[in-house]
Protein backbone atom coordinates (compact mmCIF):
# COMPACT_ATOMS: atom_id res chain seq x y z
CA MET A 1 0.14 0.08 -0.06
CA PRO A 2 1.30 3.44 -0.68
CA ARG A 3 3.98 4.95 1.46
CA SER A 4 2.45 7.80 3.57
CA ARG A 5 3.77 11.33 4.01
CA PRO A 6 6.51 12.08 6.48
CA SER A 7 3.98 13.14 9.06
CA SER A 8 1.66 10.33 8.52
CA THR A 9 4.54 7.79 8.71
CA SER A 10 5.86 9.00 11.96
CA SER A 11 2.45 9.17 13.66
CA THR A 12 1.51 5.65 12.48
CA SER A 13 5.13 4.22 13.23
CA SER A 14 4.78 5.72 16.80
CA ALA A 15 1.07 4.32 17.14
CA GLU A 16 1.88 0.69 16.11
CA PRO A 17 3.41 -1.61 18.63
CA ALA A 18 6.68 -3.20 18.03
CA PRO A 19 6.40 -6.83 17.51
CA ALA A 20 6.15 -8.96 20.55
CA SER A 21 8.96 -12.08 20.78
CA SER A 22 5.99 -14.30 21.23
CA GLY A 23 4.40 -13.26 17.89
CA VAL A 24 1.11 -12.14 20.17
CA PRO A 25 -0.45 -8.70 18.80
CA ALA A 26 1.04 -5.94 21.26
CA SER A 27 -2.57 -4.71 21.46
CA ALA A 28 -3.64 -7.88 23.62
CA SER A 29 -3.54 -6.70 27.31
CA PRO A 30 -1.47 -9.57 29.26
CA GLY A 31 -3.42 -8.35 32.27
CA GLY A 32 -6.92 -8.22 31.06
CA THR A 33 -6.99 -11.33 28.90
CA ALA A 34 -6.72 -15.06 29.68
CA PRO A 35 -3.21 -16.72 29.14
CA ARG A 36 -5.23 -19.46 27.14
CA PHE A 37 -6.95 -16.89 24.81
CA ARG A 38 -3.68 -14.71 24.15
CA ARG A 39 -2.21 -18.19 23.27
CA LEU A 40 -5.06 -18.74 20.55
CA ARG A 41 -4.43 -15.15 19.00
CA SER A 42 -0.84 -16.18 18.58
CA PRO A 43 0.20 -16.43 14.85
CA TRP A 44 1.71 -19.81 15.74
CA ALA A 45 -1.58 -21.27 16.64
CA ALA A 46 -3.02 -19.92 13.35
CA LEU A 47 -0.08 -21.75 11.83
CA LEU A 48 -1.03 -24.92 13.44
CA VAL A 49 -4.70 -24.60 12.37
CA TRP A 50 -3.43 -24.01 8.70
CA GLY A 51 -1.39 -27.11 8.82
CA LEU A 52 -3.92 -29.43 10.20
CA THR A 53 -6.58 -28.33 8.06
CA ARG A 54 -4.22 -28.71 4.96
CA LEU A 55 -3.48 -32.08 5.80
CA TRP A 56 -7.16 -32.92 5.60
CA LEU A 57 -7.92 -30.57 2.45
CA VAL A 58 -5.13 -30.86 0.27
CA PRO A 59 -5.21 -34.66 0.29
CA ALA A 60 -9.21 -34.52 -0.19
CA ALA A 61 -8.45 -32.32 -3.27
CA LEU A 62 -5.88 -34.93 -4.54
CA LYS A 63 -8.55 -37.95 -3.99
CA LEU A 64 -5.76 -39.54 -1.87
CA PRO A 65 -7.13 -42.47 0.61
CA PRO A 66 -8.97 -42.42 2.70
CA LEU A 67 -10.38 -38.89 1.62
CA ASP A 68 -10.52 -40.55 -2.13
CA GLY A 69 -14.55 -40.26 -2.43
CA ASP A 70 -15.36 -41.52 -5.98
CA GLY A 71 -11.68 -41.29 -6.92
CA THR A 72 -12.37 -38.66 -9.46
CA LEU A 73 -10.22 -35.17 -9.53
CA ASP A 74 -12.60 -32.18 -9.41
CA PRO A 75 -14.19 -31.87 -13.25
CA SER A 76 -12.86 -27.99 -13.35
CA VAL A 77 -9.31 -29.61 -13.10
CA ASP A 78 -9.69 -33.15 -14.60
CA ARG A 79 -11.43 -32.05 -17.65
CA VAL A 80 -11.41 -27.94 -18.29
CA TYR A 81 -8.12 -27.13 -17.15
CA ARG A 82 -6.42 -30.22 -18.63
CA GLY A 83 -7.95 -29.46 -21.98
CA TRP A 84 -6.86 -25.95 -21.92
CA PHE A 85 -3.35 -27.01 -21.31
CA GLU A 86 -3.28 -29.51 -24.12
CA VAL A 87 -4.08 -26.40 -26.56
CA LEU A 88 -1.98 -24.05 -24.69
CA SER A 89 0.98 -26.37 -24.80
CA GLY A 90 0.46 -26.35 -28.66
CA GLY A 91 1.03 -22.68 -28.62
CA THR A 92 -2.38 -21.16 -29.17
CA PHE A 93 -5.24 -20.06 -26.97
CA PRO A 94 -8.49 -22.22 -26.72
CA ALA A 95 -10.42 -19.43 -28.35
CA HIS A 96 -13.11 -21.99 -29.74
CA ASP A 97 -13.76 -23.14 -26.12
CA VAL A 98 -16.88 -21.15 -24.64
CA SER A 99 -15.46 -21.81 -21.26
CA TRP A 100 -12.29 -19.79 -21.78
CA GLN A 101 -13.48 -16.39 -20.66
CA TYR A 102 -9.98 -15.15 -19.42
CA PRO A 103 -7.09 -12.76 -20.42
CA PRO A 104 -4.22 -14.08 -21.84
CA GLY A 105 -2.52 -14.30 -18.48
CA ALA A 106 -4.57 -17.01 -17.31
CA ALA A 107 -2.43 -19.32 -19.37
CA LEU A 108 0.29 -18.95 -16.46
CA PRO A 109 -1.61 -21.06 -13.64
CA ILE A 110 -2.86 -23.30 -16.30
CA LEU A 111 0.61 -24.20 -17.74
CA ALA A 112 2.48 -23.95 -14.49
CA PRO A 113 1.80 -27.57 -13.61
CA GLY A 114 4.07 -28.71 -16.41
CA VAL A 115 7.18 -27.93 -14.41
CA LEU A 116 5.90 -31.14 -12.62
CA PRO A 117 6.14 -33.71 -15.89
CA SER A 118 6.42 -36.60 -13.54
CA LEU A 119 2.83 -35.97 -11.95
CA ASP A 120 -0.55 -36.36 -13.71
CA TYR A 121 -1.70 -32.96 -14.80
CA GLY A 122 -4.70 -32.88 -12.36
CA LEU A 123 -2.60 -33.96 -9.56
CA ALA A 124 -0.01 -31.36 -10.58
CA PHE A 125 -2.06 -28.57 -10.62
CA ILE A 126 -3.21 -29.17 -7.24
CA VAL A 127 0.13 -29.40 -5.83
CA THR A 128 0.79 -25.89 -7.51
CA ALA A 129 -2.26 -24.30 -5.73
CA ALA A 130 -0.95 -25.79 -2.59
CA VAL A 131 2.51 -24.40 -3.00
CA THR A 132 0.67 -20.85 -3.56
CA ASP A 133 -1.52 -21.44 -0.33
CA ALA A 134 2.06 -22.10 1.74
CA LEU A 135 3.66 -19.22 0.14
CA VAL A 136 0.78 -16.94 1.11
CA MET A 137 0.93 -18.18 4.43
CA ALA A 138 4.61 -17.96 4.77
CA GLY A 139 4.35 -14.27 3.71
CA LEU A 140 1.63 -13.52 6.13
CA MET A 141 3.56 -15.15 8.97
CA TRP A 142 6.74 -12.93 8.08
CA LEU A 143 4.92 -9.81 7.99
CA VAL A 144 3.13 -10.57 11.64
CA LEU A 145 6.76 -11.98 13.05
CA ARG A 146 9.25 -9.39 11.52
CA ARG A 147 6.87 -6.14 10.90
CA GLY A 148 4.72 -6.56 13.93
CA ARG A 149 1.58 -6.73 11.82
CA SER A 150 -1.52 -8.37 13.24
CA ALA A 151 -2.17 -12.17 13.73
CA ALA A 152 -5.41 -11.67 12.60
CA ALA A 153 -4.61 -11.82 9.07
CA PRO A 154 -2.95 -15.48 9.05
CA TRP A 155 -5.89 -16.58 11.16
CA LEU A 156 -8.22 -15.63 8.68
CA TRP A 157 -6.34 -16.94 5.64
CA ALA A 158 -5.89 -20.56 7.68
CA VAL A 159 -9.86 -20.52 8.40
CA ALA A 160 -11.47 -18.99 5.72
CA LEU A 161 -9.99 -20.96 3.03
CA ALA A 162 -10.58 -24.18 5.13
CA VAL A 163 -14.35 -23.33 5.07
CA LEU A 164 -14.19 -22.95 1.43
CA SER A 165 -13.45 -26.77 1.41
CA THR A 166 -11.60 -28.03 -1.62
CA VAL A 167 -12.58 -25.49 -3.97
CA PRO A 168 -9.41 -23.18 -3.35
CA TRP A 169 -7.14 -26.18 -4.50
CA ASN A 170 -9.23 -27.02 -7.57
CA ARG A 171 -9.16 -23.34 -9.10
CA PHE A 172 -6.65 -21.04 -10.36
CA ASP A 173 -8.10 -17.99 -8.21
CA LEU A 174 -5.63 -19.12 -5.54
CA GLN A 175 -2.70 -17.94 -7.89
CA VAL A 176 -4.19 -14.63 -8.84
CA THR A 177 -5.16 -13.84 -5.10
CA ALA A 178 -1.57 -14.56 -4.27
CA ILE A 179 -0.46 -12.16 -6.95
CA ALA A 180 -2.99 -9.28 -5.69
CA MET A 181 -1.90 -9.93 -1.78
CA ALA A 182 1.83 -9.69 -3.05
CA ALA A 183 1.24 -6.10 -4.76
CA LEU A 184 -0.43 -4.95 -1.71
CA ALA A 185 2.22 -6.23 0.46
CA VAL A 186 5.18 -4.72 -1.70
CA ALA A 187 3.19 -1.09 -2.05
CA ALA A 188 3.58 -1.11 1.87
CA SER A 189 7.39 -1.95 1.84
CA GLN A 190 8.15 2.04 1.86
CA ARG A 191 10.84 1.36 -0.75
CA ALA A 192 11.69 3.95 -3.39
CA TRP A 193 10.61 1.34 -6.10
CA ALA A 194 7.50 -0.11 -4.35
CA ASP A 195 4.89 2.09 -6.25
CA ARG A 196 6.56 0.82 -9.93
CA ALA A 197 6.67 -2.84 -8.53
CA PHE A 198 2.89 -2.69 -7.24
CA GLY A 199 1.70 -1.25 -10.43
CA ALA A 200 3.56 -4.05 -12.48
CA LEU A 201 2.09 -6.83 -10.18
CA VAL A 202 -1.42 -5.36 -10.67
CA ALA A 203 -1.02 -5.44 -14.31
CA LEU A 204 -0.03 -9.45 -14.04
CA GLY A 205 -2.89 -9.87 -11.93
CA ALA A 206 -5.16 -8.28 -14.23
CA LEU A 207 -3.82 -10.27 -17.25
CA VAL A 208 -4.56 -13.37 -15.20
CA LYS A 209 -8.39 -12.40 -14.29
CA VAL A 210 -9.39 -8.78 -14.56
CA TRP A 211 -10.19 -8.01 -10.93
CA PRO A 212 -6.83 -7.10 -9.58
CA VAL A 213 -7.04 -3.73 -11.67
CA LEU A 214 -9.27 -2.70 -8.86
CA LEU A 215 -6.39 -2.42 -6.26
CA LEU A 216 -5.58 0.76 -8.23
CA ALA A 217 -8.55 2.40 -6.83
CA GLY A 218 -7.07 3.23 -3.37
CA THR A 219 -3.41 4.94 -4.55
CA GLU A 220 -2.48 7.86 -2.89
CA ARG A 221 -2.84 11.31 -4.44
CA GLY A 222 -0.07 12.85 -6.65
CA ARG A 223 3.18 11.25 -7.67
CA ARG A 224 2.51 7.84 -6.01
CA THR A 225 -0.67 7.38 -8.30
CA ARG A 226 1.29 8.71 -11.35
CA GLN A 227 4.07 5.97 -10.49
CA ALA A 228 1.66 2.89 -9.88
CA TRP A 229 -0.82 3.66 -12.85
CA ILE A 230 1.81 4.46 -15.35
CA SER A 231 3.79 1.38 -14.21
CA ALA A 232 0.65 -0.89 -14.54
CA ALA A 233 -0.13 0.45 -17.95
CA VAL A 234 3.23 -0.04 -19.32
CA ALA A 235 3.56 -3.63 -17.91
CA GLY A 236 -0.09 -4.27 -19.10
CA VAL A 237 0.92 -3.28 -22.72
CA VAL A 238 4.29 -5.07 -22.57
CA LEU A 239 2.59 -8.27 -21.29
CA LEU A 240 -0.20 -8.01 -23.70
CA ALA A 241 2.15 -7.83 -26.85
CA VAL A 242 4.25 -10.50 -25.52
CA PHE A 243 1.34 -12.71 -25.53
CA ALA A 244 -0.22 -11.28 -28.70
CA LEU A 245 3.36 -12.21 -30.72
CA ALA A 246 3.69 -15.34 -29.04
CA MET A 247 0.37 -17.05 -29.43
CA PRO A 248 -2.68 -16.66 -31.62
CA HIS A 249 -6.18 -15.40 -30.26
CA SER A 250 -4.48 -14.05 -27.17
CA LEU A 251 -7.22 -11.12 -27.08
CA SER A 252 -10.32 -13.40 -27.86
CA PHE A 253 -11.42 -12.78 -24.21
CA LEU A 254 -12.34 -9.11 -24.96
CA THR A 255 -15.44 -10.35 -26.79
CA ALA A 256 -16.17 -13.46 -24.51
CA GLN A 257 -18.17 -11.72 -22.04
CA LYS A 258 -20.65 -10.23 -24.49
CA SER A 259 -23.14 -13.00 -24.44
CA ARG A 260 -22.85 -13.66 -20.62
CA GLY A 261 -26.27 -14.02 -19.14
CA ILE A 262 -27.51 -14.37 -15.36
CA GLN A 263 -25.61 -17.18 -13.42
CA ILE A 264 -27.71 -19.13 -10.93
CA GLU A 265 -25.68 -18.14 -7.84
CA SER A 266 -25.42 -14.42 -8.56
CA VAL A 267 -27.38 -11.72 -7.01
CA GLY A 268 -29.48 -11.17 -10.11
CA ALA A 269 -30.58 -14.61 -9.99
CA LEU A 270 -32.40 -14.34 -6.82
CA PRO A 271 -35.85 -13.06 -8.06
CA PHE A 272 -35.67 -16.07 -10.91
CA HIS A 273 -35.12 -18.68 -8.12
CA ILE A 274 -38.53 -17.11 -6.67
CA ALA A 275 -40.05 -16.84 -9.89
CA ARG A 276 -39.44 -20.70 -10.73
CA HIS A 277 -41.92 -21.56 -7.87
CA LEU A 278 -44.82 -18.93 -9.57
CA GLY A 279 -44.90 -20.22 -12.89
CA TRP A 280 -42.04 -18.48 -14.78
CA SER A 281 -41.36 -20.16 -18.05
CA GLY A 282 -37.91 -19.86 -18.15
CA THR A 283 -35.04 -22.53 -17.21
CA TRP A 284 -31.51 -22.87 -16.68
CA LYS A 285 -28.94 -24.25 -19.11
CA ALA A 286 -24.99 -24.67 -19.33
CA LYS A 287 -23.93 -21.50 -21.18
CA ASP A 288 -20.42 -19.69 -21.50
CA GLY A 289 -18.84 -22.33 -19.01
CA SER A 290 -21.25 -21.67 -16.27
CA HIS A 291 -25.29 -22.51 -15.32
CA GLU A 292 -27.14 -19.47 -16.32
CA PHE A 293 -30.80 -18.67 -16.43
CA VAL A 294 -32.52 -18.28 -19.65
CA GLY A 295 -36.03 -16.90 -20.22
CA PRO A 296 -38.28 -13.81 -19.92
CA GLY A 297 -36.83 -11.07 -18.03
CA VAL A 298 -32.93 -12.50 -17.66
CA GLU A 299 -31.91 -9.96 -20.53
CA THR A 300 -33.25 -7.14 -18.58
CA VAL A 301 -31.96 -8.00 -15.42
CA SER A 302 -28.57 -8.36 -17.10
CA LEU A 303 -28.71 -4.94 -18.19
CA VAL A 304 -29.42 -3.60 -14.78
CA MET A 305 -26.63 -5.69 -13.30
CA GLN A 306 -24.17 -4.15 -15.72
CA GLY A 307 -25.71 -0.82 -14.93
CA LEU A 308 -24.93 -1.11 -11.29
CA THR A 309 -21.46 -2.20 -11.97
CA VAL A 310 -21.11 1.11 -13.89
CA LEU A 311 -22.76 3.07 -10.80
CA ALA A 312 -20.32 1.33 -8.43
CA LEU A 313 -17.27 2.23 -10.62
CA GLY A 314 -18.66 5.75 -10.62
CA TRP A 315 -18.88 5.99 -7.04
CA LEU A 316 -15.35 4.70 -6.70
CA VAL A 317 -14.32 7.68 -8.65
CA TYR A 318 -16.15 9.88 -6.64
CA TRP A 319 -14.68 8.55 -3.51
CA ARG A 320 -11.20 8.95 -5.00
CA LEU A 321 -12.16 12.64 -5.66
CA ARG A 322 -13.17 13.24 -2.25
CA SER A 323 -11.06 11.23 0.01
CA GLU A 324 -7.73 11.40 1.66
CA ARG A 325 -5.72 8.38 1.02
CA SER A 326 -2.49 8.85 2.77
CA ALA A 327 -2.97 6.28 5.46
CA PRO A 328 -0.99 3.16 4.93
CA TRP A 329 -4.12 1.12 5.33
CA MET A 330 -6.38 2.83 2.81
CA LEU A 331 -5.00 0.86 -0.04
CA PRO A 332 -6.13 -2.52 0.96
CA ASP A 333 -9.26 -1.25 2.38
CA ALA A 334 -10.11 0.46 -0.99
CA ALA A 335 -9.06 -2.67 -2.92
CA LEU A 336 -11.47 -4.87 -0.90
CA THR A 337 -14.29 -2.33 -1.14
CA ALA A 338 -13.94 -2.14 -4.93
CA VAL A 339 -13.81 -5.93 -5.35
CA LEU A 340 -16.88 -6.35 -3.18
CA LEU A 341 -18.93 -4.00 -4.91
CA PHE A 342 -17.70 -5.66 -8.49
CA VAL A 343 -18.74 -9.06 -6.87
CA VAL A 344 -22.26 -7.94 -5.96
CA THR A 345 -23.03 -6.09 -8.95
CA SER A 346 -21.63 -8.97 -11.35
CA ARG A 347 -23.69 -11.32 -13.37
CA VAL A 348 -21.73 -14.10 -12.13
CA ILE A 349 -20.74 -15.08 -8.56
CA SER A 350 -18.87 -18.46 -8.24
CA PRO A 351 -17.59 -20.10 -5.07
CA GLN A 352 -13.96 -19.11 -5.95
CA TYR A 353 -14.91 -15.29 -5.88
CA LEU A 354 -14.86 -15.84 -1.97
CA ILE A 355 -10.99 -16.50 -2.19
CA TRP A 356 -10.42 -13.21 -3.48
CA LEU A 357 -12.32 -11.41 -1.01
CA VAL A 358 -10.40 -13.64 1.79
CA GLY A 359 -7.03 -12.72 0.46
CA LEU A 360 -7.75 -8.93 0.48
CA ALA A 361 -9.36 -9.13 3.73
CA ALA A 362 -6.41 -10.80 5.21
CA VAL A 363 -4.34 -7.71 3.83
CA CYS A 364 -6.41 -5.38 5.39
CA LEU A 365 -6.34 -7.25 8.77
CA LEU A 366 -2.67 -6.96 8.65
CA ARG A 367 -3.09 -3.20 10.06
CA ARG A 368 -4.84 -2.93 13.24
CA GLU A 369 -6.26 0.67 11.97
CA THR A 370 -8.15 -1.04 9.08
CA SER A 371 -11.70 0.31 8.66
CA GLN A 372 -12.89 -3.12 7.54
CA ARG A 373 -12.90 -5.26 10.48
CA PRO A 374 -16.81 -5.83 10.80
CA VAL A 375 -16.77 -6.34 7.07
CA VAL A 376 -14.41 -9.43 7.41
CA TRP A 377 -17.09 -11.17 9.87
CA LEU A 378 -19.30 -10.97 7.05
CA ILE A 379 -17.16 -12.35 4.33
CA LEU A 380 -16.14 -15.34 6.73
CA ALA A 381 -19.65 -16.25 7.23
CA ALA A 382 -20.60 -15.88 3.63
CA CYS A 383 -17.74 -18.30 3.18
CA LEU A 384 -19.79 -21.00 5.26
CA PHE A 385 -23.11 -20.53 3.17
CA THR A 386 -21.06 -20.50 -0.03
CA THR A 387 -19.83 -24.11 0.94
CA LEU A 388 -23.41 -24.98 1.90
CA GLY A 389 -24.44 -23.83 -1.40
CA PHE A 390 -21.65 -25.50 -3.50
CA PRO A 391 -21.20 -28.47 -3.45
CA LEU A 392 -23.60 -29.65 -1.04
CA LEU A 393 -26.91 -28.03 -2.15
CA TYR A 394 -25.73 -26.99 -5.64
CA ARG A 395 -27.99 -29.71 -7.56
CA GLU A 396 -31.17 -29.03 -5.60
CA LEU A 397 -30.68 -25.41 -6.33
CA ARG A 398 -30.18 -25.73 -9.98
CA ASP A 399 -32.33 -28.82 -10.63
CA ASP A 400 -35.28 -28.60 -8.27
CA ALA A 401 -35.32 -25.08 -7.07
CA ASP A 402 -35.41 -26.78 -3.71
CA PRO A 403 -36.65 -23.87 -0.92
CA VAL A 404 -33.51 -24.80 1.46
CA ALA A 405 -31.11 -24.37 -1.24
CA ILE A 406 -32.66 -20.90 -2.48
CA ALA A 407 -32.70 -19.74 1.26
CA ASN A 408 -29.09 -20.54 1.93
CA LEU A 409 -28.38 -18.55 -1.44
CA PHE A 410 -30.62 -15.69 -0.23
CA VAL A 411 -28.38 -15.84 2.83
CA ARG A 412 -24.93 -15.94 1.40
CA ASN A 413 -25.82 -13.08 -1.42
CA GLY A 414 -27.51 -11.11 1.60
CA LEU A 415 -23.99 -11.19 3.64
CA LEU A 416 -22.29 -10.25 0.63
CA LEU A 417 -24.54 -7.24 0.00
CA VAL A 418 -24.52 -6.32 3.43
CA ALA A 419 -20.60 -6.50 3.44
CA ALA A 420 -20.39 -4.32 0.18
CA GLY A 421 -22.70 -1.64 1.61
CA LEU A 422 -20.88 -1.49 4.93
CA SER A 423 -17.51 -1.55 3.52
CA ALA A 424 -18.30 1.33 1.31
CA VAL A 425 -19.72 3.26 4.19
CA ARG A 426 -16.72 2.54 6.29
CA LEU A 427 -14.24 3.46 3.71
CA TRP A 428 -16.27 6.72 2.89
CA ARG A 429 -16.10 7.77 6.47
CA ALA A 430 -12.19 6.91 6.83
CA GLY A 431 -11.46 8.67 3.82
CA ARG A 432 -13.53 11.75 4.81
CA ALA A 433 -11.88 11.62 8.64
CA GLY A 434 -8.66 11.78 7.03
CA ARG A 435 -9.25 15.23 5.31
């Protein structure tokens, strides 16, 4: 996140406690907190929870006995990603595959398992995701133990990803989230090159999945914004040019989203789930790599959701014009708000979108001054209902319009809507208070 002005730096530094040797946040009062509770707040306890949950979840994703279930890997990895890998390995993008909806940088996590040729592709992909998870946890632990940041960050990463079950290790969203988290961590390093490196990492993340470009929303006024934005633009153009020259169809993603409808888990899908019980003549079908509603009213709701996305982006621009963003915690806070607004107004909300929110929320929690702490609890709760909805109740939602599955979706999306609204309100107040 951006370096603060000298006056802000000194006041922030003096307000932040030095890291305790035990790794317990200095804000915990030894006299007023039970020793057992203080131990639970330790980053080492978070690391233990991380290790224990991954000893269960990673083998479950790999389908290793006794957690092998039916013995088949997740279809996204075993069929979709494997198919993309075969096409990408041939030197071209899978432009004719309707499920390929991504910028050219998405080829990087899909091709990465190729560095493990001794493993089957599906197993190698999950291993690379597990390595990414471990690197993120190591980075959070380093920031807590060596930079005195809050232990709430590794705790959230350890617990929230576990709540999402095996989804994080069966999608490449873990990799792009790691890039976004690295960008925010670099921006906070106070080095002369931090803003340019931040911009370059944002560009790299945006070329894997578009959403990391929203990290630019909270950059500090003046020179710091110019450096970060110019760096992002230059890095993005250079990387796009490399892909365009190296592989055909690298820009096919620019038109891939035009025919997107309303995915059945999105906020826009909620009225159609009710309408199915009231005689609505529409249905769902597999389309553009997801399950979407088709029928009367869908196109109208799709246009409304796109309009809401534009309004959300307009609000972010207005906030930038009216806010003070020199505080070091404003950059990750703004990033979380921006991505939350994007998620709830999107025509698609896939379970893996929660990985983005968890990663950004963890970076917010590194700073004890963050304005987003209550929002994080809502995101954690949304993770639980997301897992209930997928995979546990997904078929009931899609095929049967089951009332329990619909109620679960309403609760999950309601939590995300409240989180987005609360996040925006708290960010606005924080930005105005700094003026």
